[in-house]
Amino acid sequence: MLKLNSLQKSIILILLVVWALVNIFPLGVMFISGFKTTREIFMDPFGLPKKWTFNSYVKAWHVANFAAYFKNSIIVSLVSIVLILFVSSMGAYVLARFDFPGRRLIYLYIIAGLVLPVRLAIIPIFLLIRSFRLNDTLFALFLVYTAGGISFSTFLLVNFFENIPVDLEDAARIDGAGVFRIYWQINLPLLRPALATVTIFNFIRVWNDFFFPLIFIDTDAKKTIPLGIQNFFGEFDIQWDLLFGALNIAIIPIIIFFLILSRQFIAGLTEGAIK
């Protein structure tokens, strides 16, 4: 193991602090700009507001119908994550614990989605959604996001399932537990770090996605946050104060999710690195 002296540790620490500040600075500017007027944003973009006001948040939430976009994004994200966790965890459990003909072929077929982006298949996906008459519905987004998140989630969870001792399942079978009960009550609680990693990864992906809502959603009342933010960009004018207020509101769920699941998320990354 490489040992570092105090000078090397200090240099690394300074570089990490500088890198952290570089990444935090744009978020800080965005946060402060949410309390300014459009005139103040242009006159003093990096300074503090002369008067802290929440007018931009109130106008963005009520006048610009941002509350509807926020609600739609919450629904789409939560439903998609629940479906991804349920489908991928069950599939990963079967692939990790049962040996059957074609098992490896199925596993390779699933993780092939890591190589091929879902957006490449947008034309057949659109035709399929249209054939089921799901255009302009949130249900279309549920299906697309669930299908797009299964590959990575299954790939990650299979590795974690394989590292759970089989003796635990044998003991549960002796006590009369069935396959689903072993999966639900024995294995899933042990996979909390991996499930937290899958949740955060997919939540950020779904919450920030602009592409699929643009393709499938037409009605303004069904738009998600990325589409709703587009409304602040007018043909001849941009409402910068409302835009920054809306962006600050949009990042709140991501921060809350990460704070709640951060310990499990870091544990999952650490365990994955050790493997």
C-alpha atoms as a PDB file:
ATOM      1  CA  MET A   1       0.000   0.000   0.000  1.00  0.00           C
ATOM      2  CA  LEU A   2       1.388   3.405  -1.024  1.00  0.00           C
ATOM      3  CA  LYS A   3       2.203   5.657   1.928  1.00  0.00           C
ATOM      4  CA  LEU A   4       2.048   9.436   1.563  1.00  0.00           C
ATOM      5  CA  ASN A   5       3.992  11.967   3.549  1.00  0.00           C
ATOM      6  CA  SER A   6       2.413  15.070   5.082  1.00  0.00           C
ATOM      7  CA  LEU A   7       3.329  17.311   2.117  1.00  0.00           C
ATOM      8  CA  GLN A   8       1.742  14.958  -0.397  1.00  0.00           C
ATOM      9  CA  LYS A   9      -1.391  14.657   1.737  1.00  0.00           C
ATOM     10  CA  SER A  10      -1.625  18.457   1.977  1.00  0.00           C
ATOM     11  CA  ILE A  11      -1.294  18.854  -1.792  1.00  0.00           C
ATOM     12  CA  ILE A  12      -3.980  16.234  -2.423  1.00  0.00           C
ATOM     13  CA  LEU A  13      -6.268  17.896   0.129  1.00  0.00           C
ATOM     14  CA  ILE A  14      -5.801  21.315  -1.498  1.00  0.00           C
ATOM     15  CA  LEU A  15      -6.523  19.895  -4.945  1.00  0.00           C
ATOM     16  CA  LEU A  16      -9.688  18.188  -3.665  1.00  0.00           C
ATOM     17  CA  VAL A  17     -10.883  21.414  -2.006  1.00  0.00           C
ATOM     18  CA  VAL A  18     -10.257  23.395  -5.202  1.00  0.00           C
ATOM     19  CA  TRP A  19     -12.075  20.770  -7.259  1.00  0.00           C
ATOM     20  CA  ALA A  20     -15.011  20.815  -4.826  1.00  0.00           C
ATOM     21  CA  LEU A  21     -15.228  24.623  -5.028  1.00  0.00           C
ATOM     22  CA  VAL A  22     -15.150  24.515  -8.826  1.00  0.00           C
ATOM     23  CA  ASN A  23     -18.134  22.164  -8.796  1.00  0.00           C
ATOM     24  CA  ILE A  24     -20.039  23.983  -6.046  1.00  0.00           C
ATOM     25  CA  PHE A  25     -19.556  27.488  -7.468  1.00  0.00           C
ATOM     26  CA  PRO A  26     -22.190  27.197 -10.276  1.00  0.00           C
ATOM     27  CA  LEU A  27     -24.713  25.815  -7.780  1.00  0.00           C
ATOM     28  CA  GLY A  28     -23.972  28.713  -5.444  1.00  0.00           C
ATOM     29  CA  VAL A  29     -24.515  31.256  -8.222  1.00  0.00           C
ATOM     30  CA  MET A  30     -27.790  29.546  -9.149  1.00  0.00           C
ATOM     31  CA  PHE A  31     -28.971  29.541  -5.537  1.00  0.00           C
ATOM     32  CA  ILE A  32     -28.181  33.209  -4.962  1.00  0.00           C
ATOM     33  CA  SER A  33     -29.686  34.267  -8.306  1.00  0.00           C
ATOM     34  CA  GLY A  34     -32.987  32.726  -7.261  1.00  0.00           C
ATOM     35  CA  PHE A  35     -33.377  35.560  -4.711  1.00  0.00           C
ATOM     36  CA  LYS A  36     -32.594  38.365  -7.165  1.00  0.00           C
ATOM     37  CA  THR A  37     -34.540  40.269  -9.760  1.00  0.00           C
ATOM     38  CA  THR A  38     -33.617  39.926 -13.418  1.00  0.00           C
ATOM     39  CA  ARG A  39     -31.981  43.368 -13.309  1.00  0.00           C
ATOM     40  CA  GLU A  40     -29.816  42.409 -10.335  1.00  0.00           C
ATOM     41  CA  ILE A  41     -28.756  39.173 -12.051  1.00  0.00           C
ATOM     42  CA  PHE A  42     -27.335  41.158 -14.967  1.00  0.00           C
ATOM     43  CA  MET A  43     -25.944  44.041 -12.910  1.00  0.00           C
ATOM     44  CA  ASP A  44     -24.164  41.887 -10.301  1.00  0.00           C
ATOM     45  CA  PRO A  45     -24.283  38.195 -11.305  1.00  0.00           C
ATOM     46  CA  PHE A  46     -21.880  36.959  -8.604  1.00  0.00           C
ATOM     47  CA  GLY A  47     -22.816  39.254  -5.749  1.00  0.00           C
ATOM     48  CA  LEU A  48     -25.349  38.826  -2.994  1.00  0.00           C
ATOM     49  CA  PRO A  49     -28.843  40.240  -3.538  1.00  0.00           C
ATOM     50  CA  LYS A  50     -29.494  43.656  -2.078  1.00  0.00           C
ATOM     51  CA  LYS A  51     -32.847  42.427  -0.811  1.00  0.00           C
ATOM     52  CA  TRP A  52     -33.573  38.744  -0.307  1.00  0.00           C
ATOM     53  CA  THR A  53     -36.960  38.017  -1.837  1.00  0.00           C
ATOM     54  CA  PHE A  54     -38.969  34.880  -2.581  1.00  0.00           C
ATOM     55  CA  ASN A  55     -41.017  36.473  -5.370  1.00  0.00           C
ATOM     56  CA  SER A  56     -39.340  34.373  -8.061  1.00  0.00           C
ATOM     57  CA  TYR A  57     -40.222  31.150  -6.226  1.00  0.00           C
ATOM     58  CA  VAL A  58     -43.837  32.204  -5.671  1.00  0.00           C
ATOM     59  CA  LYS A  59     -44.303  33.296  -9.288  1.00  0.00           C
ATOM     60  CA  ALA A  60     -42.610  30.173 -10.659  1.00  0.00           C
ATOM     61  CA  TRP A  61     -44.729  27.897  -8.458  1.00  0.00           C
ATOM     62  CA  HIS A  62     -48.135  29.500  -9.042  1.00  0.00           C
ATOM     63  CA  VAL A  63     -48.077  31.742 -12.113  1.00  0.00           C
ATOM     64  CA  ALA A  64     -45.890  29.501 -14.301  1.00  0.00           C
ATOM     65  CA  ASN A  65     -47.737  26.304 -13.252  1.00  0.00           C
ATOM     66  CA  PHE A  66     -44.513  24.842 -11.872  1.00  0.00           C
ATOM     67  CA  ALA A  67     -46.468  23.005  -9.167  1.00  0.00           C
ATOM     68  CA  ALA A  68     -48.015  20.736 -11.826  1.00  0.00           C
ATOM     69  CA  TYR A  69     -44.615  20.020 -13.383  1.00  0.00           C
ATOM     70  CA  PHE A  70     -43.179  19.250  -9.955  1.00  0.00           C
ATOM     71  CA  LYS A  71     -46.033  16.858  -9.132  1.00  0.00           C
ATOM     72  CA  ASN A  72     -45.666  15.050 -12.460  1.00  0.00           C
ATOM     73  CA  SER A  73     -41.917  14.633 -11.998  1.00  0.00           C
ATOM     74  CA  ILE A  74     -42.426  13.242  -8.498  1.00  0.00           C
ATOM     75  CA  ILE A  75     -45.024  10.730  -9.745  1.00  0.00           C
ATOM     76  CA  VAL A  76     -42.955   9.643 -12.740  1.00  0.00           C
ATOM     77  CA  SER A  77     -39.737   9.311 -10.719  1.00  0.00           C
ATOM     78  CA  LEU A  78     -41.219   7.414  -7.772  1.00  0.00           C
ATOM     79  CA  VAL A  79     -43.310   5.002  -9.856  1.00  0.00           C
ATOM     80  CA  SER A  80     -40.414   4.326 -12.240  1.00  0.00           C
ATOM     81  CA  ILE A  81     -37.977   3.669  -9.389  1.00  0.00           C
ATOM     82  CA  VAL A  82     -40.384   1.294  -7.631  1.00  0.00           C
ATOM     83  CA  LEU A  83     -40.883  -0.654 -10.862  1.00  0.00           C
ATOM     84  CA  ILE A  84     -37.136  -0.724 -11.589  1.00  0.00           C
ATOM     85  CA  LEU A  85     -36.293  -1.954  -8.092  1.00  0.00           C
ATOM     86  CA  PHE A  86     -39.004  -4.607  -8.135  1.00  0.00           C
ATOM     87  CA  VAL A  87     -38.317  -5.988 -11.615  1.00  0.00           C
ATOM     88  CA  SER A  88     -34.512  -5.795 -11.525  1.00  0.00           C
ATOM     89  CA  SER A  89     -34.193  -7.223  -7.994  1.00  0.00           C
ATOM     90  CA  MET A  90     -36.421 -10.193  -8.813  1.00  0.00           C
ATOM     91  CA  GLY A  91     -34.580 -10.800 -12.088  1.00  0.00           C
ATOM     92  CA  ALA A  92     -31.197 -10.469 -10.413  1.00  0.00           C
ATOM     93  CA  TYR A  93     -32.226 -12.927  -7.682  1.00  0.00           C
ATOM     94  CA  VAL A  94     -33.253 -15.541 -10.250  1.00  0.00           C
ATOM     95  CA  LEU A  95     -30.087 -15.064 -12.300  1.00  0.00           C
ATOM     96  CA  ALA A  96     -27.833 -15.203  -9.243  1.00  0.00           C
ATOM     97  CA  ARG A  97     -29.441 -18.108  -7.394  1.00  0.00           C
ATOM     98  CA  PHE A  98     -30.921 -20.485  -9.982  1.00  0.00           C
ATOM     99  CA  ASP A  99     -29.107 -22.476 -12.627  1.00  0.00           C
ATOM    100  CA  PHE A 100     -31.228 -23.196 -15.702  1.00  0.00           C
ATOM    101  CA  PRO A 101     -30.673 -23.548 -19.466  1.00  0.00           C
ATOM    102  CA  GLY A 102     -30.103 -20.198 -21.166  1.00  0.00           C
ATOM    103  CA  ARG A 103     -29.384 -18.399 -17.899  1.00  0.00           C
ATOM    104  CA  ARG A 104     -26.134 -16.846 -19.095  1.00  0.00           C
ATOM    105  CA  LEU A 105     -27.669 -15.923 -22.449  1.00  0.00           C
ATOM    106  CA  ILE A 106     -30.529 -14.096 -20.706  1.00  0.00           C
ATOM    107  CA  TYR A 107     -28.064 -12.289 -18.460  1.00  0.00           C
ATOM    108  CA  LEU A 108     -25.973 -11.173 -21.442  1.00  0.00           C
ATOM    109  CA  TYR A 109     -29.130 -10.034 -23.231  1.00  0.00           C
ATOM    110  CA  ILE A 110     -30.133  -7.888 -20.254  1.00  0.00           C
ATOM    111  CA  ILE A 111     -26.751  -6.229 -19.741  1.00  0.00           C
ATOM    112  CA  ALA A 112     -26.504  -5.556 -23.483  1.00  0.00           C
ATOM    113  CA  GLY A 113     -28.662  -2.547 -22.658  1.00  0.00           C
ATOM    114  CA  LEU A 114     -25.587  -1.003 -21.023  1.00  0.00           C
ATOM    115  CA  VAL A 115     -23.905  -0.885 -24.434  1.00  0.00           C
ATOM    116  CA  LEU A 116     -26.890   0.271 -26.515  1.00  0.00           C
ATOM    117  CA  PRO A 117     -28.520   3.549 -25.354  1.00  0.00           C
ATOM    118  CA  VAL A 118     -32.312   3.499 -25.237  1.00  0.00           C
ATOM    119  CA  ARG A 119     -32.475   6.653 -27.345  1.00  0.00           C
ATOM    120  CA  LEU A 120     -31.172   4.723 -30.362  1.00  0.00           C
ATOM    121  CA  ALA A 121     -34.467   2.835 -30.449  1.00  0.00           C
ATOM    122  CA  ILE A 122     -36.677   5.911 -30.183  1.00  0.00           C
ATOM    123  CA  ILE A 123     -38.520   5.245 -33.467  1.00  0.00           C
ATOM    124  CA  PRO A 124     -39.672   1.671 -32.624  1.00  0.00           C
ATOM    125  CA  ILE A 125     -40.375   2.770 -29.042  1.00  0.00           C
ATOM    126  CA  PHE A 126     -42.527   5.640 -30.298  1.00  0.00           C
ATOM    127  CA  LEU A 127     -44.411   3.348 -32.675  1.00  0.00           C
ATOM    128  CA  LEU A 128     -44.950   0.825 -29.890  1.00  0.00           C
ATOM    129  CA  ILE A 129     -46.233   3.473 -27.477  1.00  0.00           C
ATOM    130  CA  ARG A 130     -48.520   4.857 -30.165  1.00  0.00           C
ATOM    131  CA  SER A 131     -49.882   1.405 -31.007  1.00  0.00           C
ATOM    132  CA  PHE A 132     -50.920   0.989 -27.356  1.00  0.00           C
ATOM    133  CA  ARG A 133     -52.448   4.514 -27.432  1.00  0.00           C
ATOM    134  CA  LEU A 134     -50.248   5.680 -24.573  1.00  0.00           C
ATOM    135  CA  ASN A 135     -49.126   8.930 -26.208  1.00  0.00           C
ATOM    136  CA  ASP A 136     -49.418  11.969 -23.949  1.00  0.00           C
ATOM    137  CA  THR A 137     -49.696   9.845 -20.799  1.00  0.00           C
ATOM    138  CA  LEU A 138     -47.390   9.474 -17.828  1.00  0.00           C
ATOM    139  CA  PHE A 139     -47.753   5.704 -18.170  1.00  0.00           C
ATOM    140  CA  ALA A 140     -45.625   5.861 -21.334  1.00  0.00           C
ATOM    141  CA  LEU A 141     -42.810   7.404 -19.288  1.00  0.00           C
ATOM    142  CA  PHE A 142     -43.179   4.695 -16.615  1.00  0.00           C
ATOM    143  CA  LEU A 143     -42.599   1.993 -19.225  1.00  0.00           C
ATOM    144  CA  VAL A 144     -39.696   3.703 -20.973  1.00  0.00           C
ATOM    145  CA  TYR A 145     -37.809   4.604 -17.790  1.00  0.00           C
ATOM    146  CA  THR A 146     -38.348   1.161 -16.274  1.00  0.00           C
ATOM    147  CA  ALA A 147     -37.067  -0.561 -19.396  1.00  0.00           C
ATOM    148  CA  GLY A 148     -34.100   1.801 -19.564  1.00  0.00           C
ATOM    149  CA  GLY A 149     -33.083   1.236 -15.937  1.00  0.00           C
ATOM    150  CA  ILE A 150     -33.308  -2.555 -15.776  1.00  0.00           C
ATOM    151  CA  SER A 151     -29.935  -3.294 -17.420  1.00  0.00           C
ATOM    152  CA  PHE A 152     -27.717  -1.363 -15.002  1.00  0.00           C
ATOM    153  CA  SER A 153     -29.811  -2.253 -11.960  1.00  0.00           C
ATOM    154  CA  THR A 154     -29.825  -5.988 -12.721  1.00  0.00           C
ATOM    155  CA  PHE A 155     -26.104  -5.969 -13.471  1.00  0.00           C
ATOM    156  CA  LEU A 156     -25.361  -4.324 -10.122  1.00  0.00           C
ATOM    157  CA  LEU A 157     -27.762  -6.407  -8.037  1.00  0.00           C
ATOM    158  CA  VAL A 158     -26.637  -9.769  -9.476  1.00  0.00           C
ATOM    159  CA  ASN A 159     -23.146  -9.174  -8.090  1.00  0.00           C
ATOM    160  CA  PHE A 160     -24.539  -8.343  -4.661  1.00  0.00           C
ATOM    161  CA  PHE A 161     -26.882 -11.343  -4.617  1.00  0.00           C
ATOM    162  CA  GLU A 162     -23.985 -13.660  -5.451  1.00  0.00           C
ATOM    163  CA  ASN A 163     -22.076 -12.443  -2.390  1.00  0.00           C
ATOM    164  CA  ILE A 164     -24.878 -13.219   0.070  1.00  0.00           C
ATOM    165  CA  PRO A 165     -24.101 -16.541   1.816  1.00  0.00           C
ATOM    166  CA  VAL A 166     -26.269 -19.384   0.551  1.00  0.00           C
ATOM    167  CA  ASP A 167     -26.336 -20.791   4.093  1.00  0.00           C
ATOM    168  CA  LEU A 168     -28.823 -18.087   5.078  1.00  0.00           C
ATOM    169  CA  GLU A 169     -31.259 -19.287   2.434  1.00  0.00           C
ATOM    170  CA  ASP A 170     -30.733 -22.943   3.387  1.00  0.00           C
ATOM    171  CA  ALA A 171     -31.552 -22.110   7.002  1.00  0.00           C
ATOM    172  CA  ALA A 172     -34.697 -20.267   5.885  1.00  0.00           C
ATOM    173  CA  ARG A 173     -35.797 -23.251   3.762  1.00  0.00           C
ATOM    174  CA  ILE A 174     -35.386 -25.558   6.753  1.00  0.00           C
ATOM    175  CA  ASP A 175     -37.722 -23.235   8.656  1.00  0.00           C
ATOM    176  CA  GLY A 176     -40.279 -23.585   5.861  1.00  0.00           C
ATOM    177  CA  ALA A 177     -39.727 -20.330   3.943  1.00  0.00           C
ATOM    178  CA  GLY A 178     -40.590 -20.316   0.248  1.00  0.00           C
ATOM    179  CA  VAL A 179     -38.645 -18.768  -2.610  1.00  0.00           C
ATOM    180  CA  PHE A 180     -40.450 -15.423  -2.583  1.00  0.00           C
ATOM    181  CA  ARG A 181     -40.244 -15.111   1.206  1.00  0.00           C
ATOM    182  CA  ILE A 182     -36.498 -15.788   1.112  1.00  0.00           C
ATOM    183  CA  TYR A 183     -36.114 -13.138  -1.599  1.00  0.00           C
ATOM    184  CA  TRP A 184     -38.311 -10.591   0.207  1.00  0.00           C
ATOM    185  CA  GLN A 185     -37.438 -11.074   3.878  1.00  0.00           C
ATOM    186  CA  ILE A 186     -33.912 -12.492   3.797  1.00  0.00           C
ATOM    187  CA  ASN A 187     -32.097 -11.076   0.774  1.00  0.00           C
ATOM    188  CA  LEU A 188     -33.601  -7.644   0.175  1.00  0.00           C
ATOM    189  CA  PRO A 189     -32.823  -6.285   3.672  1.00  0.00           C
ATOM    190  CA  LEU A 190     -29.185  -7.302   3.117  1.00  0.00           C
ATOM    191  CA  LEU A 191     -29.134  -5.420  -0.187  1.00  0.00           C
ATOM    192  CA  ARG A 192     -29.969  -1.981   1.178  1.00  0.00           C
ATOM    193  CA  PRO A 193     -26.641  -0.417   0.056  1.00  0.00           C
ATOM    194  CA  ALA A 194     -27.098  -1.768  -3.470  1.00  0.00           C
ATOM    195  CA  LEU A 195     -30.764  -0.736  -3.579  1.00  0.00           C
ATOM    196  CA  ALA A 196     -29.823   2.775  -2.420  1.00  0.00           C
ATOM    197  CA  THR A 197     -27.235   2.998  -5.202  1.00  0.00           C
ATOM    198  CA  VAL A 198     -29.780   1.879  -7.797  1.00  0.00           C
ATOM    199  CA  THR A 199     -32.371   4.307  -6.415  1.00  0.00           C
ATOM    200  CA  ILE A 200     -30.118   7.385  -6.504  1.00  0.00           C
ATOM    201  CA  PHE A 201     -28.699   6.561  -9.929  1.00  0.00           C
ATOM    202  CA  ASN A 202     -32.125   6.068 -11.508  1.00  0.00           C
ATOM    203  CA  PHE A 203     -33.781   8.950  -9.664  1.00  0.00           C
ATOM    204  CA  ILE A 204     -31.260  11.453 -11.032  1.00  0.00           C
ATOM    205  CA  ARG A 205     -31.556   9.955 -14.517  1.00  0.00           C
ATOM    206  CA  VAL A 206     -35.354  10.077 -14.563  1.00  0.00           C
ATOM    207  CA  TRP A 207     -35.723  13.416 -12.780  1.00  0.00           C
ATOM    208  CA  ASN A 208     -33.390  15.257 -15.173  1.00  0.00           C
ATOM    209  CA  ASP A 209     -34.520  13.615 -18.409  1.00  0.00           C
ATOM    210  CA  PHE A 210     -35.755  15.971 -21.098  1.00  0.00           C
ATOM    211  CA  PHE A 211     -35.728  13.704 -24.136  1.00  0.00           C
ATOM    212  CA  PHE A 212     -38.564  11.226 -23.527  1.00  0.00           C
ATOM    213  CA  PRO A 213     -41.083  13.719 -22.072  1.00  0.00           C
ATOM    214  CA  LEU A 214     -40.442  15.900 -25.130  1.00  0.00           C
ATOM    215  CA  ILE A 215     -41.281  12.945 -27.398  1.00  0.00           C
ATOM    216  CA  PHE A 216     -44.305  11.516 -25.584  1.00  0.00           C
ATOM    217  CA  ILE A 217     -45.913  14.416 -23.680  1.00  0.00           C
ATOM    218  CA  ASP A 218     -47.948  17.107 -25.454  1.00  0.00           C
ATOM    219  CA  THR A 219     -50.373  18.451 -22.840  1.00  0.00           C
ATOM    220  CA  ASP A 220     -48.949  21.228 -20.668  1.00  0.00           C
ATOM    221  CA  ALA A 221     -50.596  19.826 -17.517  1.00  0.00           C
ATOM    222  CA  LYS A 222     -48.697  16.526 -17.951  1.00  0.00           C
ATOM    223  CA  LYS A 223     -45.229  17.981 -18.521  1.00  0.00           C
ATOM    224  CA  THR A 224     -42.346  17.204 -16.168  1.00  0.00           C
ATOM    225  CA  ILE A 225     -39.883  19.729 -14.725  1.00  0.00           C
ATOM    226  CA  PRO A 226     -37.320  19.686 -17.592  1.00  0.00           C
ATOM    227  CA  LEU A 227     -40.110  20.423 -20.092  1.00  0.00           C
ATOM    228  CA  GLY A 228     -41.708  22.962 -17.784  1.00  0.00           C
ATOM    229  CA  ILE A 229     -38.466  24.913 -17.392  1.00  0.00           C
ATOM    230  CA  GLN A 230     -38.450  25.342 -21.167  1.00  0.00           C
ATOM    231  CA  ASN A 231     -41.515  27.590 -20.788  1.00  0.00           C
ATOM    232  CA  PHE A 232     -39.351  30.235 -19.093  1.00  0.00           C
ATOM    233  CA  PHE A 233     -37.456  30.710 -22.349  1.00  0.00           C
ATOM    234  CA  GLY A 234     -39.571  33.063 -24.443  1.00  0.00           C
ATOM    235  CA  GLU A 235     -39.077  33.855 -28.113  1.00  0.00           C
ATOM    236  CA  PHE A 236     -37.669  37.319 -27.397  1.00  0.00           C
ATOM    237  CA  ASP A 237     -37.155  37.312 -23.633  1.00  0.00           C
ATOM    238  CA  ILE A 238     -35.980  34.996 -20.849  1.00  0.00           C
ATOM    239  CA  GLN A 239     -37.392  35.336 -17.336  1.00  0.00           C
ATOM    240  CA  TRP A 240     -34.107  34.754 -15.545  1.00  0.00           C
ATOM    241  CA  ASP A 241     -35.411  35.356 -12.031  1.00  0.00           C
ATOM    242  CA  LEU A 242     -38.223  32.805 -12.474  1.00  0.00           C
ATOM    243  CA  LEU A 243     -35.838  30.416 -14.197  1.00  0.00           C
ATOM    244  CA  PHE A 244     -33.353  30.385 -11.324  1.00  0.00           C
ATOM    245  CA  GLY A 245     -36.161  30.076  -8.787  1.00  0.00           C
ATOM    246  CA  ALA A 246     -37.553  27.085 -10.670  1.00  0.00           C
ATOM    247  CA  LEU A 247     -34.103  25.481 -10.912  1.00  0.00           C
ATOM    248  CA  ASN A 248     -33.594  25.840  -7.159  1.00  0.00           C
ATOM    249  CA  ILE A 249     -36.957  24.175  -6.534  1.00  0.00           C
ATOM    250  CA  ALA A 250     -36.075  21.402  -8.991  1.00  0.00           C
ATOM    251  CA  ILE A 251     -32.889  20.341  -7.188  1.00  0.00           C
ATOM    252  CA  ILE A 252     -34.536  20.047  -3.751  1.00  0.00           C
ATOM    253  CA  PRO A 253     -35.810  16.432  -4.222  1.00  0.00           C
ATOM    254  CA  ILE A 254     -32.389  15.280  -5.475  1.00  0.00           C
ATOM    255  CA  ILE A 255     -30.683  16.746  -2.406  1.00  0.00           C
ATOM    256  CA  ILE A 256     -33.282  15.221  -0.062  1.00  0.00           C
ATOM    257  CA  PHE A 257     -32.972  11.807  -1.732  1.00  0.00           C
ATOM    258  CA  PHE A 258     -29.201  11.845  -1.462  1.00  0.00           C
ATOM    259  CA  LEU A 259     -29.206  12.972   2.174  1.00  0.00           C
ATOM    260  CA  ILE A 260     -31.638  10.203   3.113  1.00  0.00           C
ATOM    261  CA  LEU A 261     -29.796   7.460   1.198  1.00  0.00           C
ATOM    262  CA  SER A 262     -26.235   8.824   1.336  1.00  0.00           C
ATOM    263  CA  ARG A 263     -24.978   6.424   3.996  1.00  0.00           C
ATOM    264  CA  GLN A 264     -26.330   3.369   2.201  1.00  0.00           C
ATOM    265  CA  PHE A 265     -25.177   4.778  -1.144  1.00  0.00           C
ATOM    266  CA  ILE A 266     -21.587   5.245   0.046  1.00  0.00           C
ATOM    267  CA  ALA A 267     -21.646   1.788   1.630  1.00  0.00           C
ATOM    268  CA  GLY A 268     -22.767   0.319  -1.682  1.00  0.00           C
ATOM    269  CA  LEU A 269     -20.014   2.080  -3.617  1.00  0.00           C
ATOM    270  CA  THR A 270     -17.401   1.008  -1.076  1.00  0.00           C
ATOM    271  CA  GLU A 271     -18.537  -2.603  -1.140  1.00  0.00           C
ATOM    272  CA  GLY A 272     -18.553  -2.563  -4.932  1.00  0.00           C
ATOM    273  CA  ALA A 273     -15.007  -1.165  -4.990  1.00  0.00           C
ATOM    274  CA  ILE A 274     -13.803  -3.876  -2.624  1.00  0.00           C
ATOM    275  CA  LYS A 275     -15.316  -6.544  -4.876  1.00  0.00           C
END
